[in-house]
Amino acid sequence: MKTLAFAIFLLSALFFPQLHVWAATGETEVPFAFEKGHIIVAAKIRGNTPVEVELSTGTEHSLINELVLEKYKLKSSYTGEGIITGSSLDKIIIFVAVSDLQVGEVQAPTMFMRYGAQATTQISQRTGREVFAVLGADFFKGRVVQFDFRKKVVRFMKHAPNQVAPSANFTSLKMRPGSDPVQLPITEEVMVAGKKLKTLFDTGALTVVSLTPSGSKQVGLTAPTDKGPPRTDKLTSLRFGEIEFTDLPVTLHAKDSDFDRDSKGYVAVVGVAVLQNFIVTFDFAGGVISLERI
């Protein structure tokens, strides 16, 4: 019975993450290193052990670098998604419970991070530094977080800043409501080549704009052949409210590619190559993305 109860607890923690506890009221400001397109911040685990993590608003579940488990004396566990039948089709999730994670003065008592070897290893290789984990949307759940690319700081705020009238330098976009326990910053208010597309804003995506095959079709572009490598093309325009970019490079992904399979409720991704032009506020509590052009 204890084993069953513990398994239920783990499943609840993995698929229905709790709101994290704030260690301080008001605003907490943390400087970030912007290296090779990655937003890296200092963090701590277990109260006082320093690590570095990447912040990625478009990663649904936080990912741990399994290559550092032995160094930090962490142990992995596993569970199944859905009913486990013993067949090769079963989806097994390997995760690590990381206690007392802290970024600035913001604390998460325990994070259940999934294995993310490819993502974390590539980040470490590109930046030349050990990246402990990628903190995703499950960490940001219920929070207001602002990425200030002018000052290279991220702010965790108790309340979203006051809204101003839309202009050529400011706009607010409503996040698409969803039934999933973890909300991704997806909006239906982005115009891509004159078409409204369901778009994910991802601070961890090293891209200008990327499109699924469905997104490519909607804007009149041709995606690569099935399972072929992505290819680049040109977008005539990208528009957020009254803010517009023209003649942008776009990456087109093939049907059944990893990008296509992983897309969940969106057909376009706006990456850090665009977001670095703004002070971006993600109000995960209120469901709003605000963009102030630098």
C-alpha atoms as a PDB file:
ATOM      1  CA  MET A   1       0.000   0.000   0.000  1.00  0.00           C
ATOM      2  CA  LYS A   2       2.857   2.384   0.788  1.00  0.00           C
ATOM      3  CA  THR A   3       4.415   1.627  -2.597  1.00  0.00           C
ATOM      4  CA  LEU A   4       1.144   2.378  -4.366  1.00  0.00           C
ATOM      5  CA  ALA A   5       0.691   5.617  -2.438  1.00  0.00           C
ATOM      6  CA  PHE A   6       4.224   6.721  -3.298  1.00  0.00           C
ATOM      7  CA  ALA A   7       3.688   5.928  -6.982  1.00  0.00           C
ATOM      8  CA  ILE A   8       0.497   7.997  -7.005  1.00  0.00           C
ATOM      9  CA  PHE A   9       2.399  10.861  -5.362  1.00  0.00           C
ATOM     10  CA  LEU A  10       5.105  10.727  -8.030  1.00  0.00           C
ATOM     11  CA  LEU A  11       2.596  10.673 -10.863  1.00  0.00           C
ATOM     12  CA  SER A  12       0.760  13.619  -9.353  1.00  0.00           C
ATOM     13  CA  ALA A  13       3.987  15.565  -9.015  1.00  0.00           C
ATOM     14  CA  LEU A  14       5.090  14.804 -12.573  1.00  0.00           C
ATOM     15  CA  PHE A  15       1.853  15.498 -14.394  1.00  0.00           C
ATOM     16  CA  PHE A  16       0.163  17.987 -12.054  1.00  0.00           C
ATOM     17  CA  PRO A  17       3.033  20.164 -10.770  1.00  0.00           C
ATOM     18  CA  GLN A  18       2.250  22.312  -7.753  1.00  0.00           C
ATOM     19  CA  LEU A  19       2.602  26.067  -7.624  1.00  0.00           C
ATOM     20  CA  HIS A  20       5.996  26.812  -6.185  1.00  0.00           C
ATOM     21  CA  VAL A  21       6.559  28.722  -2.961  1.00  0.00           C
ATOM     22  CA  TRP A  22       7.888  32.266  -3.142  1.00  0.00           C
ATOM     23  CA  ALA A  23      10.767  32.984  -0.806  1.00  0.00           C
ATOM     24  CA  ALA A  24      10.330  36.736  -1.051  1.00  0.00           C
ATOM     25  CA  THR A  25       7.578  39.220  -1.827  1.00  0.00           C
ATOM     26  CA  GLY A  26       7.800  41.825  -4.542  1.00  0.00           C
ATOM     27  CA  GLU A  27      10.373  41.698  -7.313  1.00  0.00           C
ATOM     28  CA  THR A  28      13.463  39.524  -7.509  1.00  0.00           C
ATOM     29  CA  GLU A  29      16.019  40.410 -10.188  1.00  0.00           C
ATOM     30  CA  VAL A  30      18.599  37.888 -11.398  1.00  0.00           C
ATOM     31  CA  PRO A  31      21.304  38.674 -13.980  1.00  0.00           C
ATOM     32  CA  PHE A  32      21.646  36.253 -16.871  1.00  0.00           C
ATOM     33  CA  ALA A  33      24.430  35.375 -19.256  1.00  0.00           C
ATOM     34  CA  PHE A  34      23.259  35.452 -22.868  1.00  0.00           C
ATOM     35  CA  GLU A  35      25.665  33.043 -24.538  1.00  0.00           C
ATOM     36  CA  LYS A  36      25.266  31.528 -27.999  1.00  0.00           C
ATOM     37  CA  GLY A  37      21.559  32.290 -27.705  1.00  0.00           C
ATOM     38  CA  HIS A  38      21.124  30.567 -24.334  1.00  0.00           C
ATOM     39  CA  ILE A  39      19.801  32.351 -21.234  1.00  0.00           C
ATOM     40  CA  ILE A  40      21.901  31.028 -18.351  1.00  0.00           C
ATOM     41  CA  VAL A  41      21.346  31.983 -14.705  1.00  0.00           C
ATOM     42  CA  ALA A  42      22.969  31.014 -11.441  1.00  0.00           C
ATOM     43  CA  ALA A  43      20.869  28.800  -9.179  1.00  0.00           C
ATOM     44  CA  LYS A  44      21.205  26.662  -6.073  1.00  0.00           C
ATOM     45  CA  ILE A  45      19.983  23.221  -5.137  1.00  0.00           C
ATOM     46  CA  ARG A  46      19.628  21.701  -1.683  1.00  0.00           C
ATOM     47  CA  GLY A  47      19.842  25.159  -0.191  1.00  0.00           C
ATOM     48  CA  ASN A  48      23.470  26.077  -0.908  1.00  0.00           C
ATOM     49  CA  THR A  49      24.934  24.026  -3.773  1.00  0.00           C
ATOM     50  CA  PRO A  50      25.588  26.340  -6.759  1.00  0.00           C
ATOM     51  CA  VAL A  51      24.615  25.269 -10.277  1.00  0.00           C
ATOM     52  CA  GLU A  52      23.777  26.973 -13.569  1.00  0.00           C
ATOM     53  CA  VAL A  53      20.517  26.485 -15.457  1.00  0.00           C
ATOM     54  CA  GLU A  54      18.966  27.608 -18.720  1.00  0.00           C
ATOM     55  CA  LEU A  55      15.533  29.285 -18.746  1.00  0.00           C
ATOM     56  CA  SER A  56      13.236  28.029 -21.507  1.00  0.00           C
ATOM     57  CA  THR A  57       9.607  29.133 -21.504  1.00  0.00           C
ATOM     58  CA  GLY A  58       8.731  26.734 -24.322  1.00  0.00           C
ATOM     59  CA  THR A  59       9.996  23.564 -22.639  1.00  0.00           C
ATOM     60  CA  GLU A  60       6.973  21.983 -20.996  1.00  0.00           C
ATOM     61  CA  HIS A  61       8.794  19.898 -18.378  1.00  0.00           C
ATOM     62  CA  SER A  62      12.115  20.894 -16.808  1.00  0.00           C
ATOM     63  CA  LEU A  63      15.042  18.746 -17.976  1.00  0.00           C
ATOM     64  CA  ILE A  64      18.065  17.610 -15.994  1.00  0.00           C
ATOM     65  CA  ASN A  65      21.520  16.855 -17.336  1.00  0.00           C
ATOM     66  CA  GLU A  66      21.889  13.200 -16.333  1.00  0.00           C
ATOM     67  CA  LEU A  67      25.663  13.454 -16.756  1.00  0.00           C
ATOM     68  CA  VAL A  68      25.851  15.396 -13.467  1.00  0.00           C
ATOM     69  CA  LEU A  69      23.835  13.003 -11.286  1.00  0.00           C
ATOM     70  CA  GLU A  70      26.869  11.320  -9.752  1.00  0.00           C
ATOM     71  CA  LYS A  71      28.588  14.653  -9.105  1.00  0.00           C
ATOM     72  CA  TYR A  72      25.618  15.978  -7.141  1.00  0.00           C
ATOM     73  CA  LYS A  73      24.672  12.594  -5.637  1.00  0.00           C
ATOM     74  CA  LEU A  74      21.232  12.538  -7.243  1.00  0.00           C
ATOM     75  CA  LYS A  75      19.243   9.420  -8.060  1.00  0.00           C
ATOM     76  CA  SER A  76      16.902   8.780 -10.942  1.00  0.00           C
ATOM     77  CA  SER A  77      13.525   7.071 -10.811  1.00  0.00           C
ATOM     78  CA  TYR A  78      11.022   6.130 -13.453  1.00  0.00           C
ATOM     79  CA  THR A  79       7.317   5.930 -14.018  1.00  0.00           C
ATOM     80  CA  GLY A  80       4.994   5.290 -16.916  1.00  0.00           C
ATOM     81  CA  GLU A  81       2.745   7.620 -18.838  1.00  0.00           C
ATOM     82  CA  GLY A  82      -0.646   5.981 -19.068  1.00  0.00           C
ATOM     83  CA  ILE A  83      -1.191   2.266 -18.545  1.00  0.00           C
ATOM     84  CA  ILE A  84       1.960   0.117 -18.576  1.00  0.00           C
ATOM     85  CA  THR A  85       1.388  -3.122 -20.475  1.00  0.00           C
ATOM     86  CA  GLY A  86       4.936  -4.408 -20.814  1.00  0.00           C
ATOM     87  CA  SER A  87       4.993  -3.837 -24.562  1.00  0.00           C
ATOM     88  CA  SER A  88       7.546  -1.857 -26.540  1.00  0.00           C
ATOM     89  CA  LEU A  89       4.911   0.877 -26.969  1.00  0.00           C
ATOM     90  CA  ASP A  90       4.916   1.752 -23.264  1.00  0.00           C
ATOM     91  CA  LYS A  91       6.151   5.281 -22.580  1.00  0.00           C
ATOM     92  CA  ILE A  92       8.592   5.279 -19.682  1.00  0.00           C
ATOM     93  CA  ILE A  93       9.568   8.579 -18.091  1.00  0.00           C
ATOM     94  CA  ILE A  94      12.871   8.806 -16.234  1.00  0.00           C
ATOM     95  CA  PHE A  95      13.071  11.674 -13.756  1.00  0.00           C
ATOM     96  CA  VAL A  96      15.085  13.070 -10.874  1.00  0.00           C
ATOM     97  CA  ALA A  97      13.684  14.764  -7.773  1.00  0.00           C
ATOM     98  CA  VAL A  98      15.719  17.931  -7.127  1.00  0.00           C
ATOM     99  CA  SER A  99      15.056  19.506  -3.749  1.00  0.00           C
ATOM    100  CA  ASP A 100      15.193  23.164  -2.699  1.00  0.00           C
ATOM    101  CA  LEU A 101      15.922  24.630  -6.115  1.00  0.00           C
ATOM    102  CA  GLN A 102      16.424  28.378  -5.855  1.00  0.00           C
ATOM    103  CA  VAL A 103      16.849  31.083  -8.508  1.00  0.00           C
ATOM    104  CA  GLY A 104      17.555  34.422  -6.890  1.00  0.00           C
ATOM    105  CA  GLU A 105      15.121  34.512  -3.991  1.00  0.00           C
ATOM    106  CA  VAL A 106      12.532  32.320  -5.701  1.00  0.00           C
ATOM    107  CA  GLN A 107      12.333  28.798  -4.332  1.00  0.00           C
ATOM    108  CA  ALA A 108      10.762  25.589  -5.590  1.00  0.00           C
ATOM    109  CA  PRO A 109      10.719  23.030  -2.754  1.00  0.00           C
ATOM    110  CA  THR A 110      11.054  20.026  -5.109  1.00  0.00           C
ATOM    111  CA  MET A 111      11.283  19.818  -8.887  1.00  0.00           C
ATOM    112  CA  PHE A 112      10.707  16.532 -10.704  1.00  0.00           C
ATOM    113  CA  MET A 113      12.959  16.913 -13.733  1.00  0.00           C
ATOM    114  CA  ARG A 114      12.939  14.613 -16.723  1.00  0.00           C
ATOM    115  CA  TYR A 115      16.036  13.325 -18.453  1.00  0.00           C
ATOM    116  CA  GLY A 116      17.206  15.694 -21.173  1.00  0.00           C
ATOM    117  CA  ALA A 117      20.593  14.450 -22.355  1.00  0.00           C
ATOM    118  CA  GLN A 118      20.522  15.841 -25.866  1.00  0.00           C
ATOM    119  CA  ALA A 119      19.257  19.296 -24.917  1.00  0.00           C
ATOM    120  CA  THR A 120      21.478  19.845 -21.878  1.00  0.00           C
ATOM    121  CA  THR A 121      24.583  18.342 -23.473  1.00  0.00           C
ATOM    122  CA  GLN A 122      24.254  20.583 -26.533  1.00  0.00           C
ATOM    123  CA  ILE A 123      23.846  23.652 -24.333  1.00  0.00           C
ATOM    124  CA  SER A 124      26.940  22.717 -22.319  1.00  0.00           C
ATOM    125  CA  GLN A 125      28.927  22.164 -25.510  1.00  0.00           C
ATOM    126  CA  ARG A 126      27.852  25.465 -27.064  1.00  0.00           C
ATOM    127  CA  THR A 127      28.502  27.563 -23.958  1.00  0.00           C
ATOM    128  CA  GLY A 128      31.581  25.705 -22.728  1.00  0.00           C
ATOM    129  CA  ARG A 129      30.144  25.432 -19.226  1.00  0.00           C
ATOM    130  CA  GLU A 130      28.265  22.809 -17.237  1.00  0.00           C
ATOM    131  CA  VAL A 131      24.514  23.348 -17.450  1.00  0.00           C
ATOM    132  CA  PHE A 132      22.753  21.495 -14.657  1.00  0.00           C
ATOM    133  CA  ALA A 133      19.232  21.721 -16.059  1.00  0.00           C
ATOM    134  CA  VAL A 134      16.750  23.491 -18.300  1.00  0.00           C
ATOM    135  CA  LEU A 135      13.962  25.104 -16.284  1.00  0.00           C
ATOM    136  CA  GLY A 136      10.763  25.018 -18.274  1.00  0.00           C
ATOM    137  CA  ALA A 137       7.126  26.016 -18.062  1.00  0.00           C
ATOM    138  CA  ASP A 138       6.515  23.799 -15.015  1.00  0.00           C
ATOM    139  CA  PHE A 139       8.908  26.060 -13.075  1.00  0.00           C
ATOM    140  CA  PHE A 140       7.217  29.223 -14.352  1.00  0.00           C
ATOM    141  CA  LYS A 141       3.701  27.970 -13.593  1.00  0.00           C
ATOM    142  CA  GLY A 142       1.648  30.660 -11.864  1.00  0.00           C
ATOM    143  CA  ARG A 143       4.487  33.167 -11.962  1.00  0.00           C
ATOM    144  CA  VAL A 144       5.087  36.527 -13.610  1.00  0.00           C
ATOM    145  CA  VAL A 145       8.556  36.522 -15.165  1.00  0.00           C
ATOM    146  CA  GLN A 146      10.181  39.283 -17.199  1.00  0.00           C
ATOM    147  CA  PHE A 147      13.179  38.848 -19.511  1.00  0.00           C
ATOM    148  CA  ASP A 148      14.919  42.210 -19.921  1.00  0.00           C
ATOM    149  CA  PHE A 149      17.320  41.791 -22.826  1.00  0.00           C
ATOM    150  CA  ARG A 150      18.450  45.400 -22.494  1.00  0.00           C
ATOM    151  CA  LYS A 151      19.864  44.960 -18.989  1.00  0.00           C
ATOM    152  CA  LYS A 152      20.405  41.179 -19.244  1.00  0.00           C
ATOM    153  CA  VAL A 153      18.314  40.418 -16.168  1.00  0.00           C
ATOM    154  CA  VAL A 154      15.289  38.244 -15.485  1.00  0.00           C
ATOM    155  CA  ARG A 155      12.734  39.521 -12.974  1.00  0.00           C
ATOM    156  CA  PHE A 156      10.353  37.381 -10.991  1.00  0.00           C
ATOM    157  CA  MET A 157       7.490  39.702 -10.143  1.00  0.00           C
ATOM    158  CA  LYS A 158       4.583  39.431  -7.764  1.00  0.00           C
ATOM    159  CA  HIS A 159       2.330  41.325 -10.165  1.00  0.00           C
ATOM    160  CA  ALA A 160       2.465  42.008 -13.885  1.00  0.00           C
ATOM    161  CA  PRO A 161       3.486  45.588 -14.785  1.00  0.00           C
ATOM    162  CA  ASN A 162       0.761  48.035 -15.729  1.00  0.00           C
ATOM    163  CA  GLN A 163      -0.334  47.740 -19.320  1.00  0.00           C
ATOM    164  CA  VAL A 164       0.064  50.662 -21.715  1.00  0.00           C
ATOM    165  CA  ALA A 165      -1.701  51.414 -24.966  1.00  0.00           C
ATOM    166  CA  PRO A 166      -0.602  49.297 -27.953  1.00  0.00           C
ATOM    167  CA  SER A 167       1.915  51.062 -30.181  1.00  0.00           C
ATOM    168  CA  ALA A 168       4.783  50.400 -32.548  1.00  0.00           C
ATOM    169  CA  ASN A 169       6.911  49.663 -29.465  1.00  0.00           C
ATOM    170  CA  PHE A 170       4.525  47.835 -27.140  1.00  0.00           C
ATOM    171  CA  THR A 171       1.873  45.151 -27.349  1.00  0.00           C
ATOM    172  CA  SER A 172       0.139  42.531 -25.208  1.00  0.00           C
ATOM    173  CA  LEU A 173      -0.961  39.140 -26.465  1.00  0.00           C
ATOM    174  CA  LYS A 174      -3.364  36.796 -24.722  1.00  0.00           C
ATOM    175  CA  MET A 175      -2.130  33.300 -24.033  1.00  0.00           C
ATOM    176  CA  ARG A 176      -4.352  30.566 -25.369  1.00  0.00           C
ATOM    177  CA  PRO A 177      -6.206  28.908 -22.469  1.00  0.00           C
ATOM    178  CA  GLY A 178      -5.661  25.185 -22.156  1.00  0.00           C
ATOM    179  CA  SER A 179      -6.645  22.215 -20.032  1.00  0.00           C
ATOM    180  CA  ASP A 180      -3.102  20.907 -19.531  1.00  0.00           C
ATOM    181  CA  PRO A 181      -1.644  21.176 -16.008  1.00  0.00           C
ATOM    182  CA  VAL A 182       1.339  23.126 -17.389  1.00  0.00           C
ATOM    183  CA  GLN A 183       0.533  26.163 -19.527  1.00  0.00           C
ATOM    184  CA  LEU A 184       2.824  26.969 -22.414  1.00  0.00           C
ATOM    185  CA  PRO A 185       2.991  30.598 -23.649  1.00  0.00           C
ATOM    186  CA  ILE A 186       0.970  30.001 -26.801  1.00  0.00           C
ATOM    187  CA  THR A 187      -1.040  32.785 -28.412  1.00  0.00           C
ATOM    188  CA  GLU A 188      -3.361  32.965 -31.385  1.00  0.00           C
ATOM    189  CA  GLU A 189      -2.703  36.692 -31.889  1.00  0.00           C
ATOM    190  CA  VAL A 190       0.485  36.549 -33.955  1.00  0.00           C
ATOM    191  CA  MET A 191       0.317  37.360 -37.667  1.00  0.00           C
ATOM    192  CA  VAL A 192       2.765  35.343 -39.764  1.00  0.00           C
ATOM    193  CA  ALA A 193       2.849  36.423 -43.411  1.00  0.00           C
ATOM    194  CA  GLY A 194      -0.638  37.843 -42.968  1.00  0.00           C
ATOM    195  CA  LYS A 195      -2.089  34.702 -41.347  1.00  0.00           C
ATOM    196  CA  LYS A 196      -2.990  34.230 -37.696  1.00  0.00           C
ATOM    197  CA  LEU A 197      -1.042  31.225 -36.423  1.00  0.00           C
ATOM    198  CA  LYS A 198      -1.015  29.519 -33.045  1.00  0.00           C
ATOM    199  CA  THR A 199       2.443  30.559 -31.901  1.00  0.00           C
ATOM    200  CA  LEU A 200       4.698  29.490 -29.031  1.00  0.00           C
ATOM    201  CA  PHE A 201       7.087  32.046 -27.488  1.00  0.00           C
ATOM    202  CA  ASP A 202      10.181  30.128 -26.421  1.00  0.00           C
ATOM    203  CA  THR A 203      13.188  31.784 -24.772  1.00  0.00           C
ATOM    204  CA  GLY A 204      15.074  28.509 -25.235  1.00  0.00           C
ATOM    205  CA  ALA A 205      14.553  28.150 -28.996  1.00  0.00           C
ATOM    206  CA  LEU A 206      17.599  29.095 -31.070  1.00  0.00           C
ATOM    207  CA  THR A 207      15.563  30.303 -33.997  1.00  0.00           C
ATOM    208  CA  VAL A 208      13.976  33.383 -35.502  1.00  0.00           C
ATOM    209  CA  VAL A 209      10.725  31.679 -36.478  1.00  0.00           C
ATOM    210  CA  SER A 210      10.130  27.963 -37.005  1.00  0.00           C
ATOM    211  CA  LEU A 211       7.075  26.378 -38.616  1.00  0.00           C
ATOM    212  CA  THR A 212       5.533  22.934 -38.554  1.00  0.00           C
ATOM    213  CA  PRO A 213       4.363  21.518 -41.911  1.00  0.00           C
ATOM    214  CA  SER A 214       0.852  22.727 -41.057  1.00  0.00           C
ATOM    215  CA  GLY A 215       2.159  26.219 -40.327  1.00  0.00           C
ATOM    216  CA  SER A 216       4.149  26.261 -43.564  1.00  0.00           C
ATOM    217  CA  LYS A 217       1.065  25.306 -45.552  1.00  0.00           C
ATOM    218  CA  GLN A 218      -1.019  28.042 -43.924  1.00  0.00           C
ATOM    219  CA  VAL A 219       1.420  30.754 -45.045  1.00  0.00           C
ATOM    220  CA  GLY A 220       1.978  29.335 -48.525  1.00  0.00           C
ATOM    221  CA  LEU A 221       5.434  27.812 -47.996  1.00  0.00           C
ATOM    222  CA  THR A 222       6.508  24.269 -48.814  1.00  0.00           C
ATOM    223  CA  ALA A 223       7.809  22.124 -45.979  1.00  0.00           C
ATOM    224  CA  PRO A 224      10.609  19.600 -46.581  1.00  0.00           C
ATOM    225  CA  THR A 225       9.683  16.080 -47.622  1.00  0.00           C
ATOM    226  CA  ASP A 226       8.762  13.557 -44.938  1.00  0.00           C
ATOM    227  CA  LYS A 227      11.484  13.173 -42.299  1.00  0.00           C
ATOM    228  CA  GLY A 228      13.847  15.295 -44.361  1.00  0.00           C
ATOM    229  CA  PRO A 229      16.128  17.878 -42.725  1.00  0.00           C
ATOM    230  CA  PRO A 230      14.705  21.339 -42.012  1.00  0.00           C
ATOM    231  CA  ARG A 231      15.280  24.019 -44.595  1.00  0.00           C
ATOM    232  CA  THR A 232      15.301  27.813 -44.472  1.00  0.00           C
ATOM    233  CA  ASP A 233      13.095  30.209 -46.395  1.00  0.00           C
ATOM    234  CA  LYS A 234      11.900  33.810 -46.103  1.00  0.00           C
ATOM    235  CA  LEU A 235       8.867  35.269 -44.341  1.00  0.00           C
ATOM    236  CA  THR A 236       7.373  38.437 -45.747  1.00  0.00           C
ATOM    237  CA  SER A 237       6.273  39.634 -42.308  1.00  0.00           C
ATOM    238  CA  LEU A 238       5.880  38.820 -38.617  1.00  0.00           C
ATOM    239  CA  ARG A 239       3.498  40.994 -36.651  1.00  0.00           C
ATOM    240  CA  PHE A 240       2.681  41.359 -32.935  1.00  0.00           C
ATOM    241  CA  GLY A 241      -0.075  43.960 -32.678  1.00  0.00           C
ATOM    242  CA  GLU A 242       1.412  47.083 -34.291  1.00  0.00           C
ATOM    243  CA  ILE A 243       4.995  45.768 -34.022  1.00  0.00           C
ATOM    244  CA  GLU A 244       6.165  44.344 -37.326  1.00  0.00           C
ATOM    245  CA  PHE A 245       9.283  42.672 -38.726  1.00  0.00           C
ATOM    246  CA  THR A 246       9.722  42.080 -42.443  1.00  0.00           C
ATOM    247  CA  ASP A 247      11.837  39.785 -44.618  1.00  0.00           C
ATOM    248  CA  LEU A 248      12.719  37.347 -41.849  1.00  0.00           C
ATOM    249  CA  PRO A 249      14.418  33.980 -42.183  1.00  0.00           C
ATOM    250  CA  VAL A 250      12.161  31.071 -41.244  1.00  0.00           C
ATOM    251  CA  THR A 251      12.978  27.420 -40.564  1.00  0.00           C
ATOM    252  CA  LEU A 252      10.585  24.892 -42.088  1.00  0.00           C
ATOM    253  CA  HIS A 253      10.332  21.428 -40.532  1.00  0.00           C
ATOM    254  CA  ALA A 254       9.244  18.187 -42.145  1.00  0.00           C
ATOM    255  CA  LYS A 255       6.245  16.060 -41.264  1.00  0.00           C
ATOM    256  CA  ASP A 256       7.001  13.522 -38.508  1.00  0.00           C
ATOM    257  CA  SER A 257      10.248  15.304 -37.598  1.00  0.00           C
ATOM    258  CA  ASP A 258      11.014  15.732 -33.890  1.00  0.00           C
ATOM    259  CA  PHE A 259       9.882  19.348 -34.134  1.00  0.00           C
ATOM    260  CA  ASP A 260       6.586  18.329 -35.713  1.00  0.00           C
ATOM    261  CA  ARG A 261       5.916  15.543 -33.203  1.00  0.00           C
ATOM    262  CA  ASP A 262       6.803  17.712 -30.222  1.00  0.00           C
ATOM    263  CA  SER A 263       4.587  20.623 -31.268  1.00  0.00           C
ATOM    264  CA  LYS A 264       1.638  20.727 -28.909  1.00  0.00           C
ATOM    265  CA  GLY A 265      -1.137  23.179 -29.677  1.00  0.00           C
ATOM    266  CA  TYR A 266       0.983  25.415 -31.920  1.00  0.00           C
ATOM    267  CA  VAL A 267       2.251  25.528 -35.494  1.00  0.00           C
ATOM    268  CA  ALA A 268       4.850  28.305 -35.140  1.00  0.00           C
ATOM    269  CA  VAL A 269       7.636  29.103 -32.678  1.00  0.00           C
ATOM    270  CA  VAL A 270       9.072  32.560 -32.089  1.00  0.00           C
ATOM    271  CA  GLY A 271      12.562  32.086 -30.715  1.00  0.00           C
ATOM    272  CA  VAL A 272      15.172  34.046 -28.869  1.00  0.00           C
ATOM    273  CA  ALA A 273      16.544  35.647 -32.046  1.00  0.00           C
ATOM    274  CA  VAL A 274      13.349  37.736 -32.136  1.00  0.00           C
ATOM    275  CA  LEU A 275      12.713  37.979 -28.392  1.00  0.00           C
ATOM    276  CA  GLN A 276      16.133  39.539 -27.750  1.00  0.00           C
ATOM    277  CA  ASN A 277      14.737  42.746 -29.276  1.00  0.00           C
ATOM    278  CA  PHE A 278      12.297  43.174 -26.394  1.00  0.00           C
ATOM    279  CA  ILE A 279      11.643  43.320 -22.705  1.00  0.00           C
ATOM    280  CA  VAL A 280       9.293  40.315 -22.590  1.00  0.00           C
ATOM    281  CA  THR A 281       6.908  39.677 -19.703  1.00  0.00           C
ATOM    282  CA  PHE A 282       5.229  36.295 -19.355  1.00  0.00           C
ATOM    283  CA  ASP A 283       2.286  36.534 -16.997  1.00  0.00           C
ATOM    284  CA  PHE A 284       1.561  32.848 -16.511  1.00  0.00           C
ATOM    285  CA  ALA A 285      -0.951  33.704 -13.780  1.00  0.00           C
ATOM    286  CA  GLY A 286      -2.980  36.120 -15.916  1.00  0.00           C
ATOM    287  CA  GLY A 287      -2.315  34.493 -19.288  1.00  0.00           C
ATOM    288  CA  VAL A 288      -0.672  37.456 -21.038  1.00  0.00           C
ATOM    289  CA  ILE A 289       2.567  37.967 -22.994  1.00  0.00           C
ATOM    290  CA  SER A 290       3.770  41.608 -23.113  1.00  0.00           C
ATOM    291  CA  LEU A 291       6.424  42.877 -25.508  1.00  0.00           C
ATOM    292  CA  GLU A 292       8.222  46.202 -25.094  1.00  0.00           C
ATOM    293  CA  ARG A 293      10.606  46.913 -27.917  1.00  0.00           C
ATOM    294  CA  ILE A 294      14.105  47.930 -26.835  1.00  0.00           C
END
